[in-house]
């Protein structure tokens, strides 16, 4: 985390980096936050359950489970296999949305359209 933070030292912008939010022992979470992570990312690929998808119910169930707490939701555009209406969360005051694109090519019109 220290090296990641140092890579932005010369840039006139504010950056925040999340750390892996799953570990075998709670001390690992404390370590990554003490090292400078601004938050922790839970991901179903790392064993975080339940993932918000069509098998987990509807977007309304996810919104209700948040109980107004602030949460950053990745893939809120719906490309991650989530409920088709997951984009609704982008209208909530407590959800700063983002979109993560992997392996896209600026020279492929379909990739540019997707973004």
PDB file of N, CA and C in Angstrom:
ATOM      1  N   UNK A   1       0.825  -1.184   0.000  1.00  0.00           N
ATOM      2  CA  UNK A   1       0.000   0.000   0.000  1.00  0.00           C
ATOM      3  C   UNK A   1       0.876   1.257   0.000  1.00  0.00           C
ATOM      4  N   UNK A   2       1.977   1.204   0.732  1.00  0.00           N
ATOM      5  CA  UNK A   2       2.885   2.350   0.792  1.00  0.00           C
ATOM      6  C   UNK A   2       3.377   2.732  -0.603  1.00  0.00           C
ATOM      7  N   UNK A   3       3.778   1.746  -1.392  1.00  0.00           N
ATOM      8  CA  UNK A   3       4.275   2.024  -2.741  1.00  0.00           C
ATOM      9  C   UNK A   3       3.166   2.537  -3.652  1.00  0.00           C
ATOM     10  N   UNK A   4       1.980   2.009  -3.504  1.00  0.00           N
ATOM     11  CA  UNK A   4       0.847   2.481  -4.312  1.00  0.00           C
ATOM     12  C   UNK A   4       0.587   3.952  -4.011  1.00  0.00           C
ATOM     13  N   UNK A   5       0.559   4.308  -2.739  1.00  0.00           N
ATOM     14  CA  UNK A   5       0.341   5.700  -2.354  1.00  0.00           C
ATOM     15  C   UNK A   5       1.457   6.602  -2.873  1.00  0.00           C
ATOM     16  N   UNK A   6       2.691   6.137  -2.827  1.00  0.00           N
ATOM     17  CA  UNK A   6       3.825   6.941  -3.284  1.00  0.00           C
ATOM     18  C   UNK A   6       3.767   7.238  -4.780  1.00  0.00           C
ATOM     19  N   UNK A   7       3.161   6.366  -5.555  1.00  0.00           N
ATOM     20  CA  UNK A   7       3.101   6.598  -7.005  1.00  0.00           C
ATOM     21  C   UNK A   7       2.287   7.832  -7.354  1.00  0.00           C
ATOM     22  N   UNK A   8       1.455   8.304  -6.446  1.00  0.00           N
ATOM     23  CA  UNK A   8       0.611   9.470  -6.731  1.00  0.00           C
ATOM     24  C   UNK A   8       1.145  10.756  -6.108  1.00  0.00           C
ATOM     25  N   UNK A   9       2.258  10.696  -5.419  1.00  0.00           N
ATOM     26  CA  UNK A   9       2.783  11.866  -4.702  1.00  0.00           C
ATOM     27  C   UNK A   9       3.002  13.088  -5.591  1.00  0.00           C
ATOM     28  N   UNK A  10       3.413  12.907  -6.812  1.00  0.00           N
ATOM     29  CA  UNK A  10       3.724  14.032  -7.694  1.00  0.00           C
ATOM     30  C   UNK A  10       2.531  14.502  -8.525  1.00  0.00           C
ATOM     31  N   UNK A  11       1.380  13.917  -8.329  1.00  0.00           N
ATOM     32  CA  UNK A  11       0.193  14.287  -9.096  1.00  0.00           C
ATOM     33  C   UNK A  11      -0.681  15.236  -8.281  1.00  0.00           C
ATOM     34  N   UNK A  12      -1.160  16.323  -8.890  1.00  0.00           N
ATOM     35  CA  UNK A  12      -1.950  17.319  -8.152  1.00  0.00           C
ATOM     36  C   UNK A  12      -3.430  16.928  -8.010  1.00  0.00           C
ATOM     37  N   UNK A  13      -3.666  15.712  -7.587  1.00  0.00           N
ATOM     38  CA  UNK A  13      -5.026  15.193  -7.414  1.00  0.00           C
ATOM     39  C   UNK A  13      -5.106  14.455  -6.088  1.00  0.00           C
ATOM     40  N   UNK A  14      -6.313  14.281  -5.590  1.00  0.00           N
ATOM     41  CA  UNK A  14      -6.518  13.466  -4.398  1.00  0.00           C
ATOM     42  C   UNK A  14      -6.837  12.044  -4.832  1.00  0.00           C
ATOM     43  N   UNK A  15      -6.186  11.085  -4.223  1.00  0.00           N
ATOM     44  CA  UNK A  15      -6.410   9.681  -4.533  1.00  0.00           C
ATOM     45  C   UNK A  15      -6.783   8.932  -3.267  1.00  0.00           C
ATOM     46  N   UNK A  16      -7.588   7.912  -3.443  1.00  0.00           N
ATOM     47  CA  UNK A  16      -7.881   6.997  -2.352  1.00  0.00           C
ATOM     48  C   UNK A  16      -7.869   5.587  -2.912  1.00  0.00           C
ATOM     49  N   UNK A  17      -7.250   4.685  -2.208  1.00  0.00           N
ATOM     50  CA  UNK A  17      -7.139   3.305  -2.679  1.00  0.00           C
ATOM     51  C   UNK A  17      -7.788   2.369  -1.673  1.00  0.00           C
ATOM     52  N   UNK A  18      -8.526   1.414  -2.192  1.00  0.00           N
ATOM     53  CA  UNK A  18      -9.147   0.421  -1.319  1.00  0.00           C
ATOM     54  C   UNK A  18      -8.241  -0.798  -1.214  1.00  0.00           C
ATOM     55  N   UNK A  19      -8.337  -1.460  -0.085  1.00  0.00           N
ATOM     56  CA  UNK A  19      -7.585  -2.685   0.137  1.00  0.00           C
ATOM     57  C   UNK A  19      -8.509  -3.885   0.086  1.00  0.00           C
ATOM     58  N   UNK A  20      -7.937  -5.038  -0.057  1.00  0.00           N
ATOM     59  CA  UNK A  20      -8.707  -6.284  -0.090  1.00  0.00           C
ATOM     60  C   UNK A  20      -9.443  -6.451   1.241  1.00  0.00           C
ATOM     61  N   UNK A  21     -10.756  -6.599   1.161  1.00  0.00           N
ATOM     62  CA  UNK A  21     -11.589  -6.625   2.363  1.00  0.00           C
ATOM     63  C   UNK A  21     -11.912  -8.002   2.891  1.00  0.00           C
ATOM     64  N   UNK A  22     -11.173  -9.000   2.491  1.00  0.00           N
ATOM     65  CA  UNK A  22     -11.399 -10.341   3.037  1.00  0.00           C
ATOM     66  C   UNK A  22     -10.044 -10.935   3.415  1.00  0.00           C
ATOM     67  N   UNK A  23     -10.031 -11.577   4.555  1.00  0.00           N
ATOM     68  CA  UNK A  23      -8.795 -12.157   5.064  1.00  0.00           C
ATOM     69  C   UNK A  23      -9.144 -13.254   6.060  1.00  0.00           C
ATOM     70  N   UNK A  24      -8.205 -14.085   6.363  1.00  0.00           N
ATOM     71  CA  UNK A  24      -8.455 -15.181   7.300  1.00  0.00           C
ATOM     72  C   UNK A  24      -8.574 -14.682   8.737  1.00  0.00           C
ATOM     73  N   UNK A  25      -7.920 -13.552   9.039  1.00  0.00           N
ATOM     74  CA  UNK A  25      -7.942 -13.026  10.408  1.00  0.00           C
ATOM     75  C   UNK A  25      -8.186 -11.521  10.373  1.00  0.00           C
ATOM     76  N   UNK A  26      -8.930 -10.981  11.320  1.00  0.00           N
ATOM     77  CA  UNK A  26      -9.235  -9.542  11.345  1.00  0.00           C
ATOM     78  C   UNK A  26      -8.002  -8.640  11.353  1.00  0.00           C
ATOM     79  N   UNK A  27      -6.898  -9.117  11.889  1.00  0.00           N
ATOM     80  CA  UNK A  27      -5.690  -8.299  11.942  1.00  0.00           C
ATOM     81  C   UNK A  27      -5.249  -7.847  10.550  1.00  0.00           C
ATOM     82  N   UNK A  28      -5.492  -8.687   9.551  1.00  0.00           N
ATOM     83  CA  UNK A  28      -5.126  -8.327   8.185  1.00  0.00           C
ATOM     84  C   UNK A  28      -5.876  -7.097   7.697  1.00  0.00           C
ATOM     85  N   UNK A  29      -7.137  -6.971   8.085  1.00  0.00           N
ATOM     86  CA  UNK A  29      -7.927  -5.798   7.710  1.00  0.00           C
ATOM     87  C   UNK A  29      -7.378  -4.553   8.401  1.00  0.00           C
ATOM     88  N   UNK A  30      -7.060  -4.687   9.670  1.00  0.00           N
ATOM     89  CA  UNK A  30      -6.492  -3.559  10.416  1.00  0.00           C
ATOM     90  C   UNK A  30      -5.175  -3.118   9.785  1.00  0.00           C
ATOM     91  N   UNK A  31      -4.356  -4.076   9.384  1.00  0.00           N
ATOM     92  CA  UNK A  31      -3.050  -3.763   8.792  1.00  0.00           C
ATOM     93  C   UNK A  31      -3.192  -2.936   7.521  1.00  0.00           C
ATOM     94  N   UNK A  32      -4.098  -3.324   6.639  1.00  0.00           N
ATOM     95  CA  UNK A  32      -4.229  -2.613   5.362  1.00  0.00           C
ATOM     96  C   UNK A  32      -4.790  -1.208   5.566  1.00  0.00           C
ATOM     97  N   UNK A  33      -5.670  -1.037   6.544  1.00  0.00           N
ATOM     98  CA  UNK A  33      -6.189   0.301   6.843  1.00  0.00           C
ATOM     99  C   UNK A  33      -5.085   1.164   7.465  1.00  0.00           C
ATOM    100  N   UNK A  34      -4.344   0.609   8.397  1.00  0.00           N
ATOM    101  CA  UNK A  34      -3.224   1.356   8.999  1.00  0.00           C
ATOM    102  C   UNK A  34      -2.167   1.722   7.947  1.00  0.00           C
ATOM    103  N   UNK A  35      -2.049   0.904   6.920  1.00  0.00           N
ATOM    104  CA  UNK A  35      -1.076   1.171   5.855  1.00  0.00           C
ATOM    105  C   UNK A  35      -1.528   2.292   4.933  1.00  0.00           C
ATOM    106  N   UNK A  36      -2.808   2.690   5.022  1.00  0.00           N
ATOM    107  CA  UNK A  36      -3.268   3.825   4.228  1.00  0.00           C
ATOM    108  C   UNK A  36      -4.463   3.582   3.338  1.00  0.00           C
ATOM    109  N   UNK A  37      -5.043   2.390   3.352  1.00  0.00           N
ATOM    110  CA  UNK A  37      -6.233   2.144   2.528  1.00  0.00           C
ATOM    111  C   UNK A  37      -7.372   3.041   3.007  1.00  0.00           C
ATOM    112  N   UNK A  38      -8.099   3.646   2.066  1.00  0.00           N
ATOM    113  CA  UNK A  38      -9.223   4.498   2.441  1.00  0.00           C
ATOM    114  C   UNK A  38     -10.481   3.686   2.688  1.00  0.00           C
ATOM    115  N   UNK A  39     -10.455   2.438   2.306  1.00  0.00           N
ATOM    116  CA  UNK A  39     -11.601   1.562   2.495  1.00  0.00           C
ATOM    117  C   UNK A  39     -11.210   0.136   2.173  1.00  0.00           C
ATOM    118  N   UNK A  40     -12.184  -0.738   2.307  1.00  0.00           N
ATOM    119  CA  UNK A  40     -11.961  -2.156   2.028  1.00  0.00           C
ATOM    120  C   UNK A  40     -12.935  -2.603   0.956  1.00  0.00           C
ATOM    121  N   UNK A  41     -12.467  -3.374   0.011  1.00  0.00           N
ATOM    122  CA  UNK A  41     -13.318  -3.872  -1.061  1.00  0.00           C
ATOM    123  C   UNK A  41     -13.637  -5.336  -0.812  1.00  0.00           C
ATOM    124  N   UNK A  42     -14.929  -5.614  -0.736  1.00  0.00           N
ATOM    125  CA  UNK A  42     -15.392  -6.994  -0.660  1.00  0.00           C
ATOM    126  C   UNK A  42     -15.728  -7.442  -2.068  1.00  0.00           C
ATOM    127  N   UNK A  43     -15.346  -8.634  -2.425  1.00  0.00           N
ATOM    128  CA  UNK A  43     -15.572  -9.113  -3.788  1.00  0.00           C
ATOM    129  C   UNK A  43     -15.925 -10.587  -3.754  1.00  0.00           C
ATOM    130  N   UNK A  44     -16.925 -10.936  -4.538  1.00  0.00           N
ATOM    131  CA  UNK A  44     -17.364 -12.333  -4.547  1.00  0.00           C
ATOM    132  C   UNK A  44     -16.276 -13.286  -5.034  1.00  0.00           C
ATOM    133  N   UNK A  45     -15.342 -12.796  -5.854  1.00  0.00           N
ATOM    134  CA  UNK A  45     -14.239 -13.646  -6.302  1.00  0.00           C
ATOM    135  C   UNK A  45     -13.301 -14.016  -5.156  1.00  0.00           C
ATOM    136  N   UNK A  46     -13.358 -13.246  -4.074  1.00  0.00           N
ATOM    137  CA  UNK A  46     -12.518 -13.509  -2.903  1.00  0.00           C
ATOM    138  C   UNK A  46     -13.323 -14.149  -1.778  1.00  0.00           C
ATOM    139  N   UNK A  47     -14.516 -14.625  -2.094  1.00  0.00           N
ATOM    140  CA  UNK A  47     -15.310 -15.333  -1.093  1.00  0.00           C
ATOM    141  C   UNK A  47     -16.265 -14.475  -0.299  1.00  0.00           C
ATOM    142  N   UNK A  48     -16.506 -13.234  -0.724  1.00  0.00           N
ATOM    143  CA  UNK A  48     -17.451 -12.369  -0.020  1.00  0.00           C
ATOM    144  C   UNK A  48     -18.870 -12.710  -0.463  1.00  0.00           C
ATOM    145  N   UNK A  49     -19.703 -13.027   0.470  1.00  0.00           N
ATOM    146  CA  UNK A  49     -21.090 -13.375   0.167  1.00  0.00           C
ATOM    147  C   UNK A  49     -21.998 -12.463   0.958  1.00  0.00           C
ATOM    148  N   UNK A  50     -23.168 -12.247   0.573  1.00  0.00           N
ATOM    149  CA  UNK A  50     -23.769 -12.607  -0.700  1.00  0.00           C
ATOM    150  C   UNK A  50     -23.486 -11.524  -1.733  1.00  0.00           C
ATOM    151  N   UNK A  51     -23.240 -11.923  -2.925  1.00  0.00           N
ATOM    152  CA  UNK A  51     -23.046 -10.969  -3.978  1.00  0.00           C
ATOM    153  C   UNK A  51     -24.399 -10.455  -4.437  1.00  0.00           C
ATOM    154  N   UNK A  52     -24.421  -9.223  -4.923  1.00  0.00           N
ATOM    155  CA  UNK A  52     -25.668  -8.632  -5.384  1.00  0.00           C
ATOM    156  C   UNK A  52     -25.836  -9.049  -6.833  1.00  0.00           C
ATOM    157  N   UNK A  53     -26.657 -10.030  -7.056  1.00  0.00           N
ATOM    158  CA  UNK A  53     -26.896 -10.499  -8.413  1.00  0.00           C
ATOM    159  C   UNK A  53     -28.329 -10.984  -8.496  1.00  0.00           C
ATOM    160  N   UNK A  54     -28.675 -11.482  -9.634  1.00  0.00           N
ATOM    161  CA  UNK A  54     -30.031 -11.970  -9.805  1.00  0.00           C
ATOM    162  C   UNK A  54     -30.331 -13.157  -8.911  1.00  0.00           C
ATOM    163  N   UNK A  55     -29.301 -13.864  -8.428  1.00  0.00           N
ATOM    164  CA  UNK A  55     -29.559 -14.987  -7.533  1.00  0.00           C
ATOM    165  C   UNK A  55     -29.758 -14.530  -6.095  1.00  0.00           C
ATOM    166  N   UNK A  56     -29.429 -13.258  -5.828  1.00  0.00           N
ATOM    167  CA  UNK A  56     -29.545 -12.736  -4.471  1.00  0.00           C
ATOM    168  C   UNK A  56     -30.797 -11.893  -4.273  1.00  0.00           C
ATOM    169  N   UNK A  57     -31.664 -11.882  -5.243  1.00  0.00           N
ATOM    170  CA  UNK A  57     -32.886 -11.097  -5.095  1.00  0.00           C
ATOM    171  C   UNK A  57     -32.908  -9.928  -6.052  1.00  0.00           C
ATOM    172  N   UNK A  58     -33.524  -8.868  -5.604  1.00  0.00           N
ATOM    173  CA  UNK A  58     -33.733  -7.692  -6.442  1.00  0.00           C
ATOM    174  C   UNK A  58     -32.942  -6.509  -5.896  1.00  0.00           C
ATOM    175  N   UNK A  59     -32.774  -5.495  -6.729  1.00  0.00           N
ATOM    176  CA  UNK A  59     -32.016  -4.323  -6.300  1.00  0.00           C
ATOM    177  C   UNK A  59     -32.633  -3.697  -5.056  1.00  0.00           C
ATOM    178  N   UNK A  60     -33.944  -3.762  -4.915  1.00  0.00           N
ATOM    179  CA  UNK A  60     -34.601  -3.212  -3.725  1.00  0.00           C
ATOM    180  C   UNK A  60     -34.133  -3.910  -2.451  1.00  0.00           C
ATOM    181  N   UNK A  61     -33.844  -5.208  -2.544  1.00  0.00           N
ATOM    182  CA  UNK A  61     -33.330  -5.940  -1.381  1.00  0.00           C
ATOM    183  C   UNK A  61     -31.944  -5.419  -0.991  1.00  0.00           C
ATOM    184  N   UNK A  62     -31.123  -5.151  -1.996  1.00  0.00           N
ATOM    185  CA  UNK A  62     -29.791  -4.618  -1.731  1.00  0.00           C
ATOM    186  C   UNK A  62     -29.885  -3.229  -1.114  1.00  0.00           C
ATOM    187  N   UNK A  63     -30.735  -2.371  -1.677  1.00  0.00           N
ATOM    188  CA  UNK A  63     -30.905  -1.013  -1.150  1.00  0.00           C
ATOM    189  C   UNK A  63     -31.387  -1.054   0.296  1.00  0.00           C
ATOM    190  N   UNK A  64     -32.339  -1.920   0.586  1.00  0.00           N
ATOM    191  CA  UNK A  64     -32.845  -2.043   1.960  1.00  0.00           C
ATOM    192  C   UNK A  64     -31.746  -2.516   2.909  1.00  0.00           C
ATOM    193  N   UNK A  65     -30.905  -3.434   2.443  1.00  0.00           N
ATOM    194  CA  UNK A  65     -29.835  -3.970   3.294  1.00  0.00           C
ATOM    195  C   UNK A  65     -28.781  -2.914   3.622  1.00  0.00           C
ATOM    196  N   UNK A  66     -28.627  -1.910   2.766  1.00  0.00           N
ATOM    197  CA  UNK A  66     -27.651  -0.849   3.020  1.00  0.00           C
ATOM    198  C   UNK A  66     -28.044   0.006   4.225  1.00  0.00           C
ATOM    199  N   UNK A  67     -29.348   0.130   4.464  1.00  0.00           N
ATOM    200  CA  UNK A  67     -29.868   0.916   5.601  1.00  0.00           C
ATOM    201  C   UNK A  67     -29.287   2.330   5.635  1.00  0.00           C
ATOM    202  N   UNK A  68     -29.123   2.919   4.451  1.00  0.00           N
ATOM    203  CA  UNK A  68     -28.640   4.290   4.374  1.00  0.00           C
ATOM    204  C   UNK A  68     -27.144   4.466   4.561  1.00  0.00           C
ATOM    205  N   UNK A  69     -26.425   3.368   4.809  1.00  0.00           N
ATOM    206  CA  UNK A  69     -24.974   3.464   4.995  1.00  0.00           C
ATOM    207  C   UNK A  69     -24.297   3.767   3.663  1.00  0.00           C
ATOM    208  N   UNK A  70     -23.194   4.480   3.723  1.00  0.00           N
ATOM    209  CA  UNK A  70     -22.442   4.792   2.509  1.00  0.00           C
ATOM    210  C   UNK A  70     -21.674   3.557   2.070  1.00  0.00           C
ATOM    211  N   UNK A  71     -21.785   3.263   0.787  1.00  0.00           N
ATOM    212  CA  UNK A  71     -21.099   2.106   0.221  1.00  0.00           C
ATOM    213  C   UNK A  71     -20.733   2.434  -1.219  1.00  0.00           C
ATOM    214  N   UNK A  72     -19.573   2.019  -1.629  1.00  0.00           N
ATOM    215  CA  UNK A  72     -19.154   2.179  -3.019  1.00  0.00           C
ATOM    216  C   UNK A  72     -19.497   0.888  -3.735  1.00  0.00           C
ATOM    217  N   UNK A  73     -20.219   0.994  -4.828  1.00  0.00           N
ATOM    218  CA  UNK A  73     -20.634  -0.206  -5.562  1.00  0.00           C
ATOM    219  C   UNK A  73     -19.916  -0.239  -6.906  1.00  0.00           C
ATOM    220  N   UNK A  74     -19.144  -1.291  -7.117  1.00  0.00           N
ATOM    221  CA  UNK A  74     -18.471  -1.495  -8.395  1.00  0.00           C
ATOM    222  C   UNK A  74     -19.464  -2.089  -9.387  1.00  0.00           C
ATOM    223  N   UNK A  75     -19.239  -1.837 -10.647  1.00  0.00           N
ATOM    224  CA  UNK A  75     -20.060  -2.399 -11.727  1.00  0.00           C
ATOM    225  C   UNK A  75     -21.524  -2.027 -11.582  1.00  0.00           C
ATOM    226  N   UNK A  76     -21.786  -0.797 -11.148  1.00  0.00           N
ATOM    227  CA  UNK A  76     -23.172  -0.374 -10.960  1.00  0.00           C
ATOM    228  C   UNK A  76     -23.892  -0.120 -12.280  1.00  0.00           C
ATOM    229  N   UNK A  77     -23.177  -0.232 -13.384  1.00  0.00           N
ATOM    230  CA  UNK A  77     -23.837  -0.100 -14.686  1.00  0.00           C
ATOM    231  C   UNK A  77     -24.511  -1.401 -15.101  1.00  0.00           C
ATOM    232  N   UNK A  78     -24.248  -2.475 -14.402  1.00  0.00           N
ATOM    233  CA  UNK A  78     -24.926  -3.740 -14.669  1.00  0.00           C
ATOM    234  C   UNK A  78     -24.119  -4.740 -15.466  1.00  0.00           C
ATOM    235  N   UNK A  79     -22.873  -4.434 -15.804  1.00  0.00           N
ATOM    236  CA  UNK A  79     -22.093  -5.345 -16.634  1.00  0.00           C
ATOM    237  C   UNK A  79     -21.458  -6.479 -15.843  1.00  0.00           C
ATOM    238  N   UNK A  80     -21.631  -6.499 -14.551  1.00  0.00           N
ATOM    239  CA  UNK A  80     -20.982  -7.520 -13.741  1.00  0.00           C
ATOM    240  C   UNK A  80     -21.870  -8.690 -13.390  1.00  0.00           C
ATOM    241  N   UNK A  81     -22.975  -8.861 -14.106  1.00  0.00           N
ATOM    242  CA  UNK A  81     -23.858  -9.987 -13.833  1.00  0.00           C
ATOM    243  C   UNK A  81     -24.887  -9.686 -12.759  1.00  0.00           C
ATOM    244  N   UNK A  82     -25.001  -8.413 -12.398  1.00  0.00           N
ATOM    245  CA  UNK A  82     -25.928  -8.029 -11.348  1.00  0.00           C
ATOM    246  C   UNK A  82     -27.350  -7.953 -11.883  1.00  0.00           C
ATOM    247  N   UNK A  83     -28.271  -7.677 -10.973  1.00  0.00           N
ATOM    248  CA  UNK A  83     -29.660  -7.478 -11.382  1.00  0.00           C
ATOM    249  C   UNK A  83     -29.690  -6.394 -12.459  1.00  0.00           C
ATOM    250  N   UNK A  84     -30.545  -6.543 -13.462  1.00  0.00           N
ATOM    251  CA  UNK A  84     -30.535  -5.596 -14.579  1.00  0.00           C
ATOM    252  C   UNK A  84     -30.816  -4.153 -14.164  1.00  0.00           C
ATOM    253  N   UNK A  85     -31.461  -3.959 -13.032  1.00  0.00           N
ATOM    254  CA  UNK A  85     -31.794  -2.607 -12.604  1.00  0.00           C
ATOM    255  C   UNK A  85     -30.853  -2.071 -11.524  1.00  0.00           C
ATOM    256  N   UNK A  86     -29.665  -2.674 -11.389  1.00  0.00           N
ATOM    257  CA  UNK A  86     -28.712  -2.249 -10.363  1.00  0.00           C
ATOM    258  C   UNK A  86     -28.305  -0.796 -10.543  1.00  0.00           C
ATOM    259  N   UNK A  87     -28.434  -0.253 -11.750  1.00  0.00           N
ATOM    260  CA  UNK A  87     -28.053   1.141 -11.979  1.00  0.00           C
ATOM    261  C   UNK A  87     -28.880   2.095 -11.114  1.00  0.00           C
ATOM    262  N   UNK A  88     -30.006   1.633 -10.585  1.00  0.00           N
ATOM    263  CA  UNK A  88     -30.827   2.457  -9.688  1.00  0.00           C
ATOM    264  C   UNK A  88     -30.029   2.961  -8.495  1.00  0.00           C
ATOM    265  N   UNK A  89     -29.064   2.199  -8.032  1.00  0.00           N
ATOM    266  CA  UNK A  89     -28.303   2.619  -6.854  1.00  0.00           C
ATOM    267  C   UNK A  89     -27.502   3.892  -7.115  1.00  0.00           C
ATOM    268  N   UNK A  90     -27.227   4.202  -8.382  1.00  0.00           N
ATOM    269  CA  UNK A  90     -26.462   5.406  -8.706  1.00  0.00           C
ATOM    270  C   UNK A  90     -27.230   6.677  -8.353  1.00  0.00           C
ATOM    271  N   UNK A  91     -28.527   6.565  -8.160  1.00  0.00           N
ATOM    272  CA  UNK A  91     -29.336   7.716  -7.774  1.00  0.00           C
ATOM    273  C   UNK A  91     -29.426   7.924  -6.278  1.00  0.00           C
ATOM    274  N   UNK A  92     -28.809   7.055  -5.495  1.00  0.00           N
ATOM    275  CA  UNK A  92     -28.859   7.175  -4.040  1.00  0.00           C
ATOM    276  C   UNK A  92     -27.743   8.089  -3.541  1.00  0.00           C
ATOM    277  N   UNK A  93     -28.058   8.912  -2.542  1.00  0.00           N
ATOM    278  CA  UNK A  93     -27.067   9.846  -1.994  1.00  0.00           C
ATOM    279  C   UNK A  93     -25.903   9.130  -1.316  1.00  0.00           C
ATOM    280  N   UNK A  94     -26.144   7.923  -0.817  1.00  0.00           N
ATOM    281  CA  UNK A  94     -25.111   7.210  -0.067  1.00  0.00           C
ATOM    282  C   UNK A  94     -24.295   6.243  -0.925  1.00  0.00           C
ATOM    283  N   UNK A  95     -24.449   6.297  -2.244  1.00  0.00           N
ATOM    284  CA  UNK A  95     -23.737   5.362  -3.118  1.00  0.00           C
ATOM    285  C   UNK A  95     -22.950   6.121  -4.190  1.00  0.00           C
ATOM    286  N   UNK A  96     -21.634   6.322  -3.977  1.00  0.00           N
ATOM    287  CA  UNK A  96     -20.832   6.890  -5.057  1.00  0.00           C
ATOM    288  C   UNK A  96     -20.527   5.790  -6.079  1.00  0.00           C
ATOM    289  N   UNK A  97     -21.058   5.895  -7.286  1.00  0.00           N
ATOM    290  CA  UNK A  97     -20.884   4.822  -8.266  1.00  0.00           C
ATOM    291  C   UNK A  97     -19.551   4.910  -9.003  1.00  0.00           C
ATOM    292  N   UNK A  98     -19.191   3.806  -9.601  1.00  0.00           N
ATOM    293  CA  UNK A  98     -18.053   3.781 -10.512  1.00  0.00           C
ATOM    294  C   UNK A  98     -18.258   2.637 -11.477  1.00  0.00           C
ATOM    295  N   UNK A  99     -17.382   2.561 -12.409  1.00  0.00           N
ATOM    296  CA  UNK A  99     -17.441   1.479 -13.370  1.00  0.00           C
ATOM    297  C   UNK A  99     -16.019   1.040 -13.640  1.00  0.00           C
ATOM    298  N   UNK A 100     -15.780  -0.228 -13.620  1.00  0.00           N
ATOM    299  CA  UNK A 100     -14.452  -0.767 -13.868  1.00  0.00           C
ATOM    300  C   UNK A 100     -14.491  -1.509 -15.195  1.00  0.00           C
ATOM    301  N   UNK A 101     -13.655  -1.093 -16.131  1.00  0.00           N
ATOM    302  CA  UNK A 101     -13.587  -1.763 -17.429  1.00  0.00           C
ATOM    303  C   UNK A 101     -12.274  -2.525 -17.516  1.00  0.00           C
ATOM    304  N   UNK A 102     -12.375  -3.746 -17.938  1.00  0.00           N
ATOM    305  CA  UNK A 102     -11.186  -4.574 -18.084  1.00  0.00           C
ATOM    306  C   UNK A 102     -11.005  -4.953 -19.551  1.00  0.00           C
ATOM    307  N   UNK A 103      -9.796  -4.882 -20.015  1.00  0.00           N
ATOM    308  CA  UNK A 103      -9.418  -5.402 -21.335  1.00  0.00           C
ATOM    309  C   UNK A 103     -10.190  -4.743 -22.479  1.00  0.00           C
ATOM    310  N   UNK A 104     -10.459  -3.453 -22.379  1.00  0.00           N
ATOM    311  CA  UNK A 104     -11.117  -2.755 -23.477  1.00  0.00           C
ATOM    312  C   UNK A 104     -10.064  -2.104 -24.361  1.00  0.00           C
ATOM    313  N   UNK A 105     -10.424  -1.955 -25.632  1.00  0.00           N
ATOM    314  CA  UNK A 105      -9.495  -1.399 -26.605  1.00  0.00           C
ATOM    315  C   UNK A 105     -10.122  -0.152 -27.217  1.00  0.00           C
ATOM    316  N   UNK A 106      -9.437   0.989 -27.122  1.00  0.00           N
ATOM    317  CA  UNK A 106      -9.962   2.247 -27.648  1.00  0.00           C
ATOM    318  C   UNK A 106     -10.141   2.220 -29.167  1.00  0.00           C
ATOM    319  N   UNK A 107      -9.515   1.267 -29.837  1.00  0.00           N
ATOM    320  CA  UNK A 107      -9.612   1.170 -31.289  1.00  0.00           C
ATOM    321  C   UNK A 107     -10.755   0.269 -31.758  1.00  0.00           C
ATOM    322  N   UNK A 108     -11.493  -0.306 -30.817  1.00  0.00           N
ATOM    323  CA  UNK A 108     -12.632  -1.162 -31.168  1.00  0.00           C
ATOM    324  C   UNK A 108     -13.913  -0.387 -30.856  1.00  0.00           C
ATOM    325  N   UNK A 109     -14.697  -0.026 -31.887  1.00  0.00           N
ATOM    326  CA  UNK A 109     -15.895   0.795 -31.676  1.00  0.00           C
ATOM    327  C   UNK A 109     -16.864   0.230 -30.632  1.00  0.00           C
ATOM    328  N   UNK A 110     -17.017  -1.081 -30.585  1.00  0.00           N
ATOM    329  CA  UNK A 110     -17.927  -1.681 -29.602  1.00  0.00           C
ATOM    330  C   UNK A 110     -17.438  -1.461 -28.168  1.00  0.00           C
ATOM    331  N   UNK A 111     -16.128  -1.504 -27.970  1.00  0.00           N
ATOM    332  CA  UNK A 111     -15.569  -1.245 -26.641  1.00  0.00           C
ATOM    333  C   UNK A 111     -15.816   0.203 -26.229  1.00  0.00           C
ATOM    334  N   UNK A 112     -15.609   1.123 -27.168  1.00  0.00           N
ATOM    335  CA  UNK A 112     -15.843   2.540 -26.881  1.00  0.00           C
ATOM    336  C   UNK A 112     -17.316   2.776 -26.578  1.00  0.00           C
ATOM    337  N   UNK A 113     -18.209   2.136 -27.308  1.00  0.00           N
ATOM    338  CA  UNK A 113     -19.649   2.270 -27.059  1.00  0.00           C
ATOM    339  C   UNK A 113     -20.023   1.741 -25.689  1.00  0.00           C
ATOM    340  N   UNK A 114     -19.407   0.660 -25.282  1.00  0.00           N
ATOM    341  CA  UNK A 114     -19.697   0.063 -23.980  1.00  0.00           C
ATOM    342  C   UNK A 114     -19.388   1.044 -22.859  1.00  0.00           C
ATOM    343  N   UNK A 115     -18.245   1.722 -22.983  1.00  0.00           N
ATOM    344  CA  UNK A 115     -17.836   2.677 -21.953  1.00  0.00           C
ATOM    345  C   UNK A 115     -18.740   3.881 -22.006  1.00  0.00           C
TER     346      UNK A 115
END
